Every structure is written in structure tokens, then in C-alpha cells.
Amino acid sequence: MILLAWVLQLALGYHRPNSIKNQPYECGMKPMQEALVQFDVRYYLYAILFILFDIEIIFIIPWLLATDSIPRLLVGADALGQMLPASAELMKLKMVGPIEISMFLVILVVGLVYAWKKGALEWE
């Protein structure tokens, strides 16, 4: 079906190419330089590090929410001010979760320190 519509558009469509239609549009003015500008590779390294530590936060926040750690951190108790019954899986997460999160953070910090010591984060 899609192939038929595409072939019909190519065969019956109205085509009148000209130089104005082939120009890139940029704020109503003619472009002053080439649109493809290469960035320094060091920017990509910082972008990857940002994404890595952003994903770290994405992993940590659900764990904090599942263990009710965020309300305790903010107000000193859970949201209702009382202990709620927890399932076995949640109790296991409360016991094993801090160890797993700590190992995850240690691996990330060791990688960051290694990159820093190797000079990968320095601008020259």
C-alpha cells in the first residue's frame, strides 16, 4: 500500500525544481558558512560523561522511591509518619540495595578518577 502511494506520487506528482527551492532556509537569510561544523572530540567525551552520570541518577532515584528513602531524607520519616508493612521483595531491596548502589557508584567513581589521572579531561 505504501509502495503504491509512493510510486503514484512519483509518477503523478507535480515537480518543478528551481534554485530557490534547493537552498537551505536559515532565518530568512542566506547562510554565511557551511552547515556542517565539526566539533572538537573533547566535547563528545564530556557529553558521554554527562550521559553516564545522568543514567546513574536514573538508576538511583527509583531505588530511593521504592525504599521510601526520599521521604525519610526530606522529613525524617515516611510520608504518613508511620511504618508501613513491606513485602519480602521490598525488604530484600532495602537490605541488598544499598550494597548494589554503593558498588555501582564505586565503579563509576573509579572510572572517572582513572580518566582524570590519564588526562582525558584536560583541555590542551
PDB file of N, CA and C in Angstrom:
ATOM      1  N   MET A   1       0.821  -1.185   0.000  1.00  0.00           N
ATOM      2  CA  MET A   1       0.000   0.000   0.000  1.00  0.00           C
ATOM      3  C   MET A   1       0.871   1.258   0.000  1.00  0.00           C
ATOM      4  N   ILE A   2       1.862   1.276   0.873  1.00  0.00           N
ATOM      5  CA  ILE A   2       2.749   2.431   0.942  1.00  0.00           C
ATOM      6  C   ILE A   2       3.567   2.542  -0.332  1.00  0.00           C
ATOM      7  N   LEU A   3       4.023   1.401  -0.838  1.00  0.00           N
ATOM      8  CA  LEU A   3       4.800   1.409  -2.072  1.00  0.00           C
ATOM      9  C   LEU A   3       3.964   1.936  -3.230  1.00  0.00           C
ATOM     10  N   LEU A   4       2.696   1.560  -3.294  1.00  0.00           N
ATOM     11  CA  LEU A   4       1.804   2.046  -4.347  1.00  0.00           C
ATOM     12  C   LEU A   4       1.620   3.558  -4.247  1.00  0.00           C
ATOM     13  N   ALA A   5       1.413   4.077  -3.051  1.00  0.00           N
ATOM     14  CA  ALA A   5       1.254   5.520  -2.878  1.00  0.00           C
ATOM     15  C   ALA A   5       2.529   6.257  -3.261  1.00  0.00           C
ATOM     16  N   TRP A   6       3.667   5.698  -2.940  1.00  0.00           N
ATOM     17  CA  TRP A   6       4.940   6.339  -3.280  1.00  0.00           C
ATOM     18  C   TRP A   6       5.152   6.368  -4.791  1.00  0.00           C
ATOM     19  N   VAL A   7       4.849   5.243  -5.465  1.00  0.00           N
ATOM     20  CA  VAL A   7       5.007   5.183  -6.928  1.00  0.00           C
ATOM     21  C   VAL A   7       4.035   6.142  -7.599  1.00  0.00           C
ATOM     22  N   LEU A   8       2.801   6.215  -7.121  1.00  0.00           N
ATOM     23  CA  LEU A   8       1.833   7.155  -7.698  1.00  0.00           C
ATOM     24  C   LEU A   8       2.277   8.598  -7.493  1.00  0.00           C
ATOM     25  N   GLN A   9       2.834   8.907  -6.364  1.00  0.00           N
ATOM     26  CA  GLN A   9       3.311  10.263  -6.106  1.00  0.00           C
ATOM     27  C   GLN A   9       4.461  10.609  -7.031  1.00  0.00           C
ATOM     28  N   LEU A  10       5.359   9.660  -7.264  1.00  0.00           N
ATOM     29  CA  LEU A  10       6.470   9.919  -8.175  1.00  0.00           C
ATOM     30  C   LEU A  10       5.989  10.089  -9.613  1.00  0.00           C
ATOM     31  N   ALA A  11       5.008   9.279 -10.008  1.00  0.00           N
ATOM     32  CA  ALA A  11       4.538   9.324 -11.395  1.00  0.00           C
ATOM     33  C   ALA A  11       3.621  10.512 -11.651  1.00  0.00           C
ATOM     34  N   LEU A  12       2.738  10.820 -10.735  1.00  0.00           N
ATOM     35  CA  LEU A  12       1.722  11.841 -10.976  1.00  0.00           C
ATOM     36  C   LEU A  12       1.986  13.149 -10.249  1.00  0.00           C
ATOM     37  N   GLY A  13       2.983  13.165  -9.402  1.00  0.00           N
ATOM     38  CA  GLY A  13       3.243  14.359  -8.599  1.00  0.00           C
ATOM     39  C   GLY A  13       3.737  15.534  -9.431  1.00  0.00           C
ATOM     40  N   TYR A  14       3.545  16.720  -8.909  1.00  0.00           N
ATOM     41  CA  TYR A  14       3.921  17.957  -9.579  1.00  0.00           C
ATOM     42  C   TYR A  14       5.331  18.338  -9.135  1.00  0.00           C
ATOM     43  N   HIS A  15       6.273  18.355 -10.070  1.00  0.00           N
ATOM     44  CA  HIS A  15       7.663  18.668  -9.762  1.00  0.00           C
ATOM     45  C   HIS A  15       8.103  19.862 -10.583  1.00  0.00           C
ATOM     46  N   ARG A  16       8.595  20.868  -9.911  1.00  0.00           N
ATOM     47  CA  ARG A  16       9.203  21.992 -10.601  1.00  0.00           C
ATOM     48  C   ARG A  16      10.374  22.491  -9.744  1.00  0.00           C
ATOM     49  N   PRO A  17      11.512  21.793  -9.817  1.00  0.00           N
ATOM     50  CA  PRO A  17      12.646  22.220  -9.002  1.00  0.00           C
ATOM     51  C   PRO A  17      13.268  23.508  -9.541  1.00  0.00           C
ATOM     52  N   ASN A  18      13.738  24.345  -8.630  1.00  0.00           N
ATOM     53  CA  ASN A  18      14.488  25.534  -9.027  1.00  0.00           C
ATOM     54  C   ASN A  18      15.537  25.827  -7.963  1.00  0.00           C
ATOM     55  N   SER A  19      16.368  26.809  -8.216  1.00  0.00           N
ATOM     56  CA  SER A  19      17.487  27.072  -7.312  1.00  0.00           C
ATOM     57  C   SER A  19      17.020  27.583  -5.952  1.00  0.00           C
ATOM     58  N   ILE A  20      15.941  28.310  -5.890  1.00  0.00           N
ATOM     59  CA  ILE A  20      15.450  28.830  -4.611  1.00  0.00           C
ATOM     60  C   ILE A  20      14.945  27.693  -3.724  1.00  0.00           C
ATOM     61  N   LYS A  21      14.263  26.723  -4.300  1.00  0.00           N
ATOM     62  CA  LYS A  21      13.770  25.595  -3.514  1.00  0.00           C
ATOM     63  C   LYS A  21      14.904  24.712  -3.001  1.00  0.00           C
ATOM     64  N   ASN A  22      16.025  24.705  -3.689  1.00  0.00           N
ATOM     65  CA  ASN A  22      17.144  23.859  -3.282  1.00  0.00           C
ATOM     66  C   ASN A  22      18.057  24.519  -2.256  1.00  0.00           C
ATOM     67  N   GLN A  23      17.821  25.781  -1.930  1.00  0.00           N
ATOM     68  CA  GLN A  23      18.644  26.461  -0.939  1.00  0.00           C
ATOM     69  C   GLN A  23      18.150  26.137   0.472  1.00  0.00           C
ATOM     70  N   PRO A  24      19.083  26.035   1.416  1.00  0.00           N
ATOM     71  CA  PRO A  24      18.650  25.826   2.800  1.00  0.00           C
ATOM     72  C   PRO A  24      18.062  27.102   3.368  1.00  0.00           C
ATOM     73  N   TYR A  25      17.054  26.958   4.198  1.00  0.00           N
ATOM     74  CA  TYR A  25      16.407  28.111   4.815  1.00  0.00           C
ATOM     75  C   TYR A  25      16.968  28.287   6.217  1.00  0.00           C
ATOM     76  N   GLU A  26      17.485  29.469   6.497  1.00  0.00           N
ATOM     77  CA  GLU A  26      18.032  29.744   7.824  1.00  0.00           C
ATOM     78  C   GLU A  26      17.647  31.153   8.219  1.00  0.00           C
ATOM     79  N   CYS A  27      16.560  31.292   8.942  1.00  0.00           N
ATOM     80  CA  CYS A  27      16.116  32.573   9.491  1.00  0.00           C
ATOM     81  C   CYS A  27      15.881  33.624   8.410  1.00  0.00           C
ATOM     82  N   GLY A  28      15.565  33.214   7.219  1.00  0.00           N
ATOM     83  CA  GLY A  28      15.280  34.170   6.159  1.00  0.00           C
ATOM     84  C   GLY A  28      16.500  34.803   5.534  1.00  0.00           C
ATOM     85  N   MET A  29      17.697  34.404   5.944  1.00  0.00           N
ATOM     86  CA  MET A  29      18.925  34.972   5.385  1.00  0.00           C
ATOM     87  C   MET A  29      19.727  33.876   4.702  1.00  0.00           C
ATOM     88  N   LYS A  30      20.594  34.292   3.804  1.00  0.00           N
ATOM     89  CA  LYS A  30      21.481  33.330   3.169  1.00  0.00           C
ATOM     90  C   LYS A  30      22.482  32.829   4.210  1.00  0.00           C
ATOM     91  N   PRO A  31      22.788  31.531   4.176  1.00  0.00           N
ATOM     92  CA  PRO A  31      23.754  31.011   5.139  1.00  0.00           C
ATOM     93  C   PRO A  31      25.137  31.618   4.905  1.00  0.00           C
ATOM     94  N   MET A  32      25.833  31.906   6.000  1.00  0.00           N
ATOM     95  CA  MET A  32      27.141  32.540   5.900  1.00  0.00           C
ATOM     96  C   MET A  32      28.271  31.519   5.821  1.00  0.00           C
ATOM     97  N   GLN A  33      28.028  30.309   6.297  1.00  0.00           N
ATOM     98  CA  GLN A  33      29.059  29.280   6.251  1.00  0.00           C
ATOM     99  C   GLN A  33      28.392  27.923   6.072  1.00  0.00           C
ATOM    100  N   GLU A  34      29.203  26.901   5.935  1.00  0.00           N
ATOM    101  CA  GLU A  34      28.708  25.548   5.765  1.00  0.00           C
ATOM    102  C   GLU A  34      27.927  25.117   7.009  1.00  0.00           C
ATOM    103  N   ALA A  35      26.850  24.391   6.816  1.00  0.00           N
ATOM    104  CA  ALA A  35      26.002  23.986   7.936  1.00  0.00           C
ATOM    105  C   ALA A  35      26.667  22.919   8.805  1.00  0.00           C
ATOM    106  N   LEU A  36      27.509  22.099   8.215  1.00  0.00           N
ATOM    107  CA  LEU A  36      28.164  21.041   8.976  1.00  0.00           C
ATOM    108  C   LEU A  36      29.477  21.560   9.544  1.00  0.00           C
ATOM    109  N   VAL A  37      29.488  21.814  10.836  1.00  0.00           N
ATOM    110  CA  VAL A  37      30.685  22.282  11.524  1.00  0.00           C
ATOM    111  C   VAL A  37      31.145  21.161  12.445  1.00  0.00           C
ATOM    112  N   GLN A  38      32.403  20.777  12.344  1.00  0.00           N
ATOM    113  CA  GLN A  38      32.913  19.706  13.191  1.00  0.00           C
ATOM    114  C   GLN A  38      33.234  20.246  14.578  1.00  0.00           C
ATOM    115  N   PHE A  39      32.826  19.486  15.581  1.00  0.00           N
ATOM    116  CA  PHE A  39      33.131  19.831  16.958  1.00  0.00           C
ATOM    117  C   PHE A  39      34.406  19.110  17.380  1.00  0.00           C
ATOM    118  N   ASP A  40      35.050  19.665  18.358  1.00  0.00           N
ATOM    119  CA  ASP A  40      36.234  19.031  18.916  1.00  0.00           C
ATOM    120  C   ASP A  40      35.818  17.730  19.599  1.00  0.00           C
ATOM    121  N   VAL A  41      36.654  16.722  19.516  1.00  0.00           N
ATOM    122  CA  VAL A  41      36.346  15.412  20.087  1.00  0.00           C
ATOM    123  C   VAL A  41      36.167  15.500  21.599  1.00  0.00           C
ATOM    124  N   ARG A  42      36.814  16.447  22.231  1.00  0.00           N
ATOM    125  CA  ARG A  42      36.714  16.564  23.692  1.00  0.00           C
ATOM    126  C   ARG A  42      35.286  16.870  24.136  1.00  0.00           C
ATOM    127  N   TYR A  43      34.513  17.553  23.305  1.00  0.00           N
ATOM    128  CA  TYR A  43      33.116  17.809  23.656  1.00  0.00           C
ATOM    129  C   TYR A  43      32.339  16.498  23.753  1.00  0.00           C
ATOM    130  N   TYR A  44      32.650  15.552  22.872  1.00  0.00           N
ATOM    131  CA  TYR A  44      31.960  14.272  22.905  1.00  0.00           C
ATOM    132  C   TYR A  44      32.289  13.513  24.187  1.00  0.00           C
ATOM    133  N   LEU A  45      33.519  13.604  24.648  1.00  0.00           N
ATOM    134  CA  LEU A  45      33.892  12.939  25.893  1.00  0.00           C
ATOM    135  C   LEU A  45      33.087  13.494  27.061  1.00  0.00           C
ATOM    136  N   TYR A  46      32.969  14.803  27.131  1.00  0.00           N
ATOM    137  CA  TYR A  46      32.178  15.406  28.204  1.00  0.00           C
ATOM    138  C   TYR A  46      30.700  15.050  28.062  1.00  0.00           C
ATOM    139  N   ALA A  47      30.208  14.959  26.846  1.00  0.00           N
ATOM    140  CA  ALA A  47      28.813  14.568  26.639  1.00  0.00           C
ATOM    141  C   ALA A  47      28.577  13.136  27.108  1.00  0.00           C
ATOM    142  N   ILE A  48      29.508  12.250  26.815  1.00  0.00           N
ATOM    143  CA  ILE A  48      29.371  10.860  27.253  1.00  0.00           C
ATOM    144  C   ILE A  48      29.431  10.770  28.775  1.00  0.00           C
ATOM    145  N   LEU A  49      30.331  11.533  29.390  1.00  0.00           N
ATOM    146  CA  LEU A  49      30.395  11.535  30.858  1.00  0.00           C
ATOM    147  C   LEU A  49      29.105  12.075  31.466  1.00  0.00           C
ATOM    148  N   PHE A  50      28.548  13.117  30.861  1.00  0.00           N
ATOM    149  CA  PHE A  50      27.283  13.652  31.360  1.00  0.00           C
ATOM    150  C   PHE A  50      26.180  12.603  31.262  1.00  0.00           C
ATOM    151  N   ILE A  51      26.092  11.926  30.128  1.00  0.00           N
ATOM    152  CA  ILE A  51      25.058  10.900  29.949  1.00  0.00           C
ATOM    153  C   ILE A  51      25.265   9.769  30.948  1.00  0.00           C
ATOM    154  N   LEU A  52      26.510   9.377  31.172  1.00  0.00           N
ATOM    155  CA  LEU A  52      26.803   8.300  32.112  1.00  0.00           C
ATOM    156  C   LEU A  52      26.324   8.639  33.518  1.00  0.00           C
ATOM    157  N   PHE A  53      26.636   9.837  33.985  1.00  0.00           N
ATOM    158  CA  PHE A  53      26.228  10.202  35.342  1.00  0.00           C
ATOM    159  C   PHE A  53      24.746  10.560  35.402  1.00  0.00           C
ATOM    160  N   ASP A  54      24.167  10.947  34.295  1.00  0.00           N
ATOM    161  CA  ASP A  54      22.728  11.163  34.246  1.00  0.00           C
ATOM    162  C   ASP A  54      21.998   9.829  34.376  1.00  0.00           C
ATOM    163  N   ILE A  55      22.503   8.812  33.709  1.00  0.00           N
ATOM    164  CA  ILE A  55      21.905   7.478  33.816  1.00  0.00           C
ATOM    165  C   ILE A  55      22.082   6.933  35.232  1.00  0.00           C
ATOM    166  N   GLU A  56      23.183   7.278  35.869  1.00  0.00           N
ATOM    167  CA  GLU A  56      23.386   6.872  37.263  1.00  0.00           C
ATOM    168  C   GLU A  56      22.249   7.391  38.138  1.00  0.00           C
ATOM    169  N   ILE A  57      21.880   8.635  37.960  1.00  0.00           N
ATOM    170  CA  ILE A  57      20.782   9.215  38.738  1.00  0.00           C
ATOM    171  C   ILE A  57      19.470   8.509  38.405  1.00  0.00           C
ATOM    172  N   ILE A  58      19.297   8.141  37.139  1.00  0.00           N
ATOM    173  CA  ILE A  58      18.076   7.432  36.737  1.00  0.00           C
ATOM    174  C   ILE A  58      17.987   6.085  37.449  1.00  0.00           C
ATOM    175  N   PHE A  59      19.117   5.441  37.717  1.00  0.00           N
ATOM    176  CA  PHE A  59      19.104   4.175  38.449  1.00  0.00           C
ATOM    177  C   PHE A  59      18.898   4.371  39.945  1.00  0.00           C
ATOM    178  N   ILE A  60      19.411   5.451  40.489  1.00  0.00           N
ATOM    179  CA  ILE A  60      19.354   5.648  41.940  1.00  0.00           C
ATOM    180  C   ILE A  60      17.978   6.119  42.402  1.00  0.00           C
ATOM    181  N   ILE A  61      17.331   7.006  41.666  1.00  0.00           N
ATOM    182  CA  ILE A  61      16.056   7.578  42.114  1.00  0.00           C
ATOM    183  C   ILE A  61      14.959   6.521  42.284  1.00  0.00           C
ATOM    184  N   PRO A  62      14.756   5.573  41.350  1.00  0.00           N
ATOM    185  CA  PRO A  62      13.721   4.556  41.609  1.00  0.00           C
ATOM    186  C   PRO A  62      14.018   3.707  42.848  1.00  0.00           C
ATOM    187  N   TRP A  63      15.290   3.425  43.095  1.00  0.00           N
ATOM    188  CA  TRP A  63      15.634   2.671  44.294  1.00  0.00           C
ATOM    189  C   TRP A  63      15.269   3.473  45.538  1.00  0.00           C
ATOM    190  N   LEU A  64      15.568   4.762  45.538  1.00  0.00           N
ATOM    191  CA  LEU A  64      15.205   5.599  46.684  1.00  0.00           C
ATOM    192  C   LEU A  64      13.693   5.669  46.863  1.00  0.00           C
ATOM    193  N   LEU A  65      12.962   5.759  45.758  1.00  0.00           N
ATOM    194  CA  LEU A  65      11.499   5.803  45.848  1.00  0.00           C
ATOM    195  C   LEU A  65      10.931   4.475  46.339  1.00  0.00           C
ATOM    196  N   ALA A  66      11.500   3.361  45.889  1.00  0.00           N
ATOM    197  CA  ALA A  66      10.988   2.046  46.285  1.00  0.00           C
ATOM    198  C   ALA A  66      11.235   1.761  47.755  1.00  0.00           C
ATOM    199  N   THR A  67      12.293   2.292  48.294  1.00  0.00           N
ATOM    200  CA  THR A  67      12.614   2.022  49.699  1.00  0.00           C
ATOM    201  C   THR A  67      12.140   3.129  50.625  1.00  0.00           C
ATOM    202  N   ASP A  68      11.368   4.061  50.128  1.00  0.00           N
ATOM    203  CA  ASP A  68      10.865   5.197  50.911  1.00  0.00           C
ATOM    204  C   ASP A  68      12.000   6.017  51.516  1.00  0.00           C
ATOM    205  N   SER A  69      13.144   6.038  50.880  1.00  0.00           N
ATOM    206  CA  SER A  69      14.280   6.791  51.415  1.00  0.00           C
ATOM    207  C   SER A  69      14.128   8.283  51.188  1.00  0.00           C
ATOM    208  N   ILE A  70      13.470   8.670  50.114  1.00  0.00           N
ATOM    209  CA  ILE A  70      13.337  10.105  49.828  1.00  0.00           C
ATOM    210  C   ILE A  70      12.473  10.793  50.879  1.00  0.00           C
ATOM    211  N   PRO A  71      11.284  10.264  51.260  1.00  0.00           N
ATOM    212  CA  PRO A  71      10.541  10.954  52.327  1.00  0.00           C
ATOM    213  C   PRO A  71      11.310  11.004  53.644  1.00  0.00           C
ATOM    214  N   ARG A  72      12.044   9.932  53.977  1.00  0.00           N
ATOM    215  CA  ARG A  72      12.828   9.950  55.208  1.00  0.00           C
ATOM    216  C   ARG A  72      13.952  10.968  55.127  1.00  0.00           C
ATOM    217  N   LEU A  73      14.537  11.105  53.951  1.00  0.00           N
ATOM    218  CA  LEU A  73      15.603  12.095  53.795  1.00  0.00           C
ATOM    219  C   LEU A  73      15.047  13.508  53.908  1.00  0.00           C
ATOM    220  N   LEU A  74      13.821  13.716  53.427  1.00  0.00           N
ATOM    221  CA  LEU A  74      13.265  15.063  53.412  1.00  0.00           C
ATOM    222  C   LEU A  74      12.631  15.456  54.739  1.00  0.00           C
ATOM    223  N   VAL A  75      11.859  14.553  55.351  1.00  0.00           N
ATOM    224  CA  VAL A  75      11.140  14.921  56.571  1.00  0.00           C
ATOM    225  C   VAL A  75      11.507  14.061  57.776  1.00  0.00           C
ATOM    226  N   GLY A  76      12.360  13.096  57.622  1.00  0.00           N
ATOM    227  CA  GLY A  76      12.789  12.280  58.747  1.00  0.00           C
ATOM    228  C   GLY A  76      11.920  11.068  59.010  1.00  0.00           C
ATOM    229  N   ALA A  77      10.859  10.858  58.247  1.00  0.00           N
ATOM    230  CA  ALA A  77      10.006   9.681  58.397  1.00  0.00           C
ATOM    231  C   ALA A  77       9.371   9.403  57.041  1.00  0.00           C
ATOM    232  N   ASP A  78       8.588   8.322  56.984  1.00  0.00           N
ATOM    233  CA  ASP A  78       7.921   8.085  55.712  1.00  0.00           C
ATOM    234  C   ASP A  78       6.780   9.085  55.540  1.00  0.00           C
ATOM    235  N   ALA A  79       6.133   9.052  54.388  1.00  0.00           N
ATOM    236  CA  ALA A  79       5.170  10.095  54.037  1.00  0.00           C
ATOM    237  C   ALA A  79       4.004  10.163  55.019  1.00  0.00           C
ATOM    238  N   LEU A  80       3.608   9.036  55.593  1.00  0.00           N
ATOM    239  CA  LEU A  80       2.476   9.026  56.514  1.00  0.00           C
ATOM    240  C   LEU A  80       2.915   9.128  57.971  1.00  0.00           C
ATOM    241  N   GLY A  81       4.213   9.137  58.221  1.00  0.00           N
ATOM    242  CA  GLY A  81       4.697   9.244  59.588  1.00  0.00           C
ATOM    243  C   GLY A  81       4.656   7.941  60.352  1.00  0.00           C
ATOM    244  N   GLN A  82       4.439   6.826  59.668  1.00  0.00           N
ATOM    245  CA  GLN A  82       4.388   5.539  60.340  1.00  0.00           C
ATOM    246  C   GLN A  82       5.040   4.487  59.454  1.00  0.00           C
ATOM    247  N   MET A  83       5.374   3.362  60.039  1.00  0.00           N
ATOM    248  CA  MET A  83       5.974   2.278  59.282  1.00  0.00           C
ATOM    249  C   MET A  83       4.867   1.495  58.588  1.00  0.00           C
ATOM    250  N   LEU A  84       5.027   1.273  57.311  1.00  0.00           N
ATOM    251  CA  LEU A  84       4.057   0.515  56.543  1.00  0.00           C
ATOM    252  C   LEU A  84       4.557  -0.913  56.365  1.00  0.00           C
ATOM    253  N   PRO A  85       3.660  -1.901  56.296  1.00  0.00           N
ATOM    254  CA  PRO A  85       4.115  -3.270  56.062  1.00  0.00           C
ATOM    255  C   PRO A  85       4.756  -3.383  54.680  1.00  0.00           C
ATOM    256  N   ALA A  86       5.871  -4.082  54.620  1.00  0.00           N
ATOM    257  CA  ALA A  86       6.608  -4.209  53.361  1.00  0.00           C
ATOM    258  C   ALA A  86       6.625  -5.666  52.925  1.00  0.00           C
ATOM    259  N   SER A  87       6.677  -5.859  51.635  1.00  0.00           N
ATOM    260  CA  SER A  87       6.748  -7.212  51.099  1.00  0.00           C
ATOM    261  C   SER A  87       8.171  -7.740  51.254  1.00  0.00           C
ATOM    262  N   ALA A  88       8.344  -9.032  51.012  1.00  0.00           N
ATOM    263  CA  ALA A  88       9.667  -9.646  51.144  1.00  0.00           C
ATOM    264  C   ALA A  88      10.632  -9.082  50.106  1.00  0.00           C
ATOM    265  N   GLU A  89      10.114  -8.816  48.897  1.00  0.00           N
ATOM    266  CA  GLU A  89      10.975  -8.258  47.850  1.00  0.00           C
ATOM    267  C   GLU A  89      11.466  -6.866  48.237  1.00  0.00           C
ATOM    268  N   LEU A  90      10.579  -6.081  48.830  1.00  0.00           N
ATOM    269  CA  LEU A  90      10.967  -4.735  49.244  1.00  0.00           C
ATOM    270  C   LEU A  90      11.968  -4.785  50.391  1.00  0.00           C
ATOM    271  N   MET A  91      11.790  -5.728  51.305  1.00  0.00           N
ATOM    272  CA  MET A  91      12.752  -5.870  52.403  1.00  0.00           C
ATOM    273  C   MET A  91      14.115  -6.298  51.866  1.00  0.00           C
ATOM    274  N   LYS A  92      14.107  -7.191  50.864  1.00  0.00           N
ATOM    275  CA  LYS A  92      15.368  -7.606  50.252  1.00  0.00           C
ATOM    276  C   LYS A  92      16.025  -6.423  49.559  1.00  0.00           C
ATOM    277  N   LEU A  93      15.227  -5.602  48.887  1.00  0.00           N
ATOM    278  CA  LEU A  93      15.757  -4.418  48.221  1.00  0.00           C
ATOM    279  C   LEU A  93      16.332  -3.438  49.231  1.00  0.00           C
ATOM    280  N   LYS A  94      15.685  -3.327  50.383  1.00  0.00           N
ATOM    281  CA  LYS A  94      16.188  -2.416  51.413  1.00  0.00           C
ATOM    282  C   LYS A  94      17.507  -2.905  51.996  1.00  0.00           C
ATOM    283  N   MET A  95      17.716  -4.230  52.009  1.00  0.00           N
ATOM    284  CA  MET A  95      18.942  -4.764  52.587  1.00  0.00           C
ATOM    285  C   MET A  95      20.063  -4.860  51.555  1.00  0.00           C
ATOM    286  N   VAL A  96      19.755  -5.310  50.363  1.00  0.00           N
ATOM    287  CA  VAL A  96      20.772  -5.531  49.339  1.00  0.00           C
ATOM    288  C   VAL A  96      20.972  -4.287  48.481  1.00  0.00           C
ATOM    289  N   GLY A  97      19.959  -3.466  48.367  1.00  0.00           N
ATOM    290  CA  GLY A  97      20.022  -2.285  47.513  1.00  0.00           C
ATOM    291  C   GLY A  97      21.161  -1.337  47.811  1.00  0.00           C
ATOM    292  N   PRO A  98      21.381  -0.972  49.082  1.00  0.00           N
ATOM    293  CA  PRO A  98      22.498  -0.058  49.366  1.00  0.00           C
ATOM    294  C   PRO A  98      23.853  -0.623  48.956  1.00  0.00           C
ATOM    295  N   ILE A  99      24.030  -1.935  49.095  1.00  0.00           N
ATOM    296  CA  ILE A  99      25.297  -2.552  48.692  1.00  0.00           C
ATOM    297  C   ILE A  99      25.458  -2.469  47.179  1.00  0.00           C
ATOM    298  N   GLU A 100      24.393  -2.792  46.442  1.00  0.00           N
ATOM    299  CA  GLU A 100      24.465  -2.738  44.984  1.00  0.00           C
ATOM    300  C   GLU A 100      24.674  -1.313  44.486  1.00  0.00           C
ATOM    301  N   ILE A 101      23.954  -0.364  45.052  1.00  0.00           N
ATOM    302  CA  ILE A 101      24.110   1.034  44.644  1.00  0.00           C
ATOM    303  C   ILE A 101      25.515   1.520  44.975  1.00  0.00           C
ATOM    304  N   SER A 102      26.042   1.127  46.132  1.00  0.00           N
ATOM    305  CA  SER A 102      27.398   1.535  46.508  1.00  0.00           C
ATOM    306  C   SER A 102      28.431   0.968  45.541  1.00  0.00           C
ATOM    307  N   MET A 103      28.277  -0.298  45.158  1.00  0.00           N
ATOM    308  CA  MET A 103      29.200  -0.896  44.190  1.00  0.00           C
ATOM    309  C   MET A 103      29.112  -0.177  42.851  1.00  0.00           C
ATOM    310  N   PHE A 104      27.915   0.148  42.427  1.00  0.00           N
ATOM    311  CA  PHE A 104      27.706   0.866  41.172  1.00  0.00           C
ATOM    312  C   PHE A 104      28.395   2.227  41.216  1.00  0.00           C
ATOM    313  N   LEU A 105      28.222   2.952  42.314  1.00  0.00           N
ATOM    314  CA  LEU A 105      28.850   4.267  42.453  1.00  0.00           C
ATOM    315  C   LEU A 105      30.367   4.164  42.512  1.00  0.00           C
ATOM    316  N   VAL A 106      30.884   3.147  43.196  1.00  0.00           N
ATOM    317  CA  VAL A 106      32.338   2.977  43.279  1.00  0.00           C
ATOM    318  C   VAL A 106      32.920   2.722  41.892  1.00  0.00           C
ATOM    319  N   ILE A 107      32.265   1.888  41.099  1.00  0.00           N
ATOM    320  CA  ILE A 107      32.748   1.619  39.739  1.00  0.00           C
ATOM    321  C   ILE A 107      32.758   2.896  38.912  1.00  0.00           C
ATOM    322  N   LEU A 108      31.701   3.699  39.011  1.00  0.00           N
ATOM    323  CA  LEU A 108      31.659   4.954  38.262  1.00  0.00           C
ATOM    324  C   LEU A 108      32.740   5.924  38.719  1.00  0.00           C
ATOM    325  N   VAL A 109      32.931   6.043  40.019  1.00  0.00           N
ATOM    326  CA  VAL A 109      33.938   6.979  40.535  1.00  0.00           C
ATOM    327  C   VAL A 109      35.343   6.506  40.167  1.00  0.00           C
ATOM    328  N   VAL A 110      35.604   5.202  40.233  1.00  0.00           N
ATOM    329  CA  VAL A 110      36.918   4.684  39.841  1.00  0.00           C
ATOM    330  C   VAL A 110      37.178   4.983  38.366  1.00  0.00           C
ATOM    331  N   GLY A 111      36.177   4.808  37.521  1.00  0.00           N
ATOM    332  CA  GLY A 111      36.333   5.140  36.105  1.00  0.00           C
ATOM    333  C   GLY A 111      36.594   6.617  35.881  1.00  0.00           C
ATOM    334  N   LEU A 112      35.899   7.464  36.623  1.00  0.00           N
ATOM    335  CA  LEU A 112      36.105   8.907  36.495  1.00  0.00           C
ATOM    336  C   LEU A 112      37.497   9.311  36.971  1.00  0.00           C
ATOM    337  N   VAL A 113      37.939   8.761  38.093  1.00  0.00           N
ATOM    338  CA  VAL A 113      39.279   9.074  38.605  1.00  0.00           C
ATOM    339  C   VAL A 113      40.347   8.580  37.631  1.00  0.00           C
ATOM    340  N   TYR A 114      40.144   7.408  37.045  1.00  0.00           N
ATOM    341  CA  TYR A 114      41.094   6.876  36.062  1.00  0.00           C
ATOM    342  C   TYR A 114      41.196   7.806  34.855  1.00  0.00           C
ATOM    343  N   ALA A 115      40.057   8.247  34.334  1.00  0.00           N
ATOM    344  CA  ALA A 115      40.072   9.167  33.192  1.00  0.00           C
ATOM    345  C   ALA A 115      40.732  10.487  33.569  1.00  0.00           C
ATOM    346  N   TRP A 116      40.494  10.943  34.771  1.00  0.00           N
ATOM    347  CA  TRP A 116      41.082  12.203  35.235  1.00  0.00           C
ATOM    348  C   TRP A 116      42.605  12.076  35.349  1.00  0.00           C
ATOM    349  N   LYS A 117      43.067  10.959  35.948  1.00  0.00           N
ATOM    350  CA  LYS A 117      44.508  10.747  36.119  1.00  0.00           C
ATOM    351  C   LYS A 117      45.217  10.570  34.776  1.00  0.00           C
ATOM    352  N   LYS A 118      44.546   9.967  33.798  1.00  0.00           N
ATOM    353  CA  LYS A 118      45.137   9.781  32.473  1.00  0.00           C
ATOM    354  C   LYS A 118      45.174  11.077  31.673  1.00  0.00           C
ATOM    355  N   GLY A 119      44.493  12.114  32.161  1.00  0.00           N
ATOM    356  CA  GLY A 119      44.486  13.396  31.464  1.00  0.00           C
ATOM    357  C   GLY A 119      43.433  13.493  30.383  1.00  0.00           C
ATOM    358  N   ALA A 120      42.457  12.594  30.403  1.00  0.00           N
ATOM    359  CA  ALA A 120      41.426  12.608  29.367  1.00  0.00           C
ATOM    360  C   ALA A 120      40.487  13.797  29.504  1.00  0.00           C
ATOM    361  N   LEU A 121      40.429  14.407  30.674  1.00  0.00           N
ATOM    362  CA  LEU A 121      39.504  15.513  30.898  1.00  0.00           C
ATOM    363  C   LEU A 121      40.176  16.875  30.801  1.00  0.00           C
ATOM    364  N   GLU A 122      41.438  16.915  30.405  1.00  0.00           N
ATOM    365  CA  GLU A 122      42.164  18.181  30.329  1.00  0.00           C
ATOM    366  C   GLU A 122      42.108  18.745  28.914  1.00  0.00           C
ATOM    367  N   TRP A 123      41.955  20.048  28.817  1.00  0.00           N
ATOM    368  CA  TRP A 123      41.988  20.744  27.537  1.00  0.00           C
ATOM    369  C   TRP A 123      43.420  21.180  27.272  1.00  0.00           C
ATOM    370  N   GLU A 124      43.901  20.875  26.119  1.00  0.00           N
ATOM    371  CA  GLU A 124      45.273  21.271  25.776  1.00  0.00           C
ATOM    372  C   GLU A 124      45.299  22.130  24.544  1.00  0.00           C
TER     373      GLU A 124
END
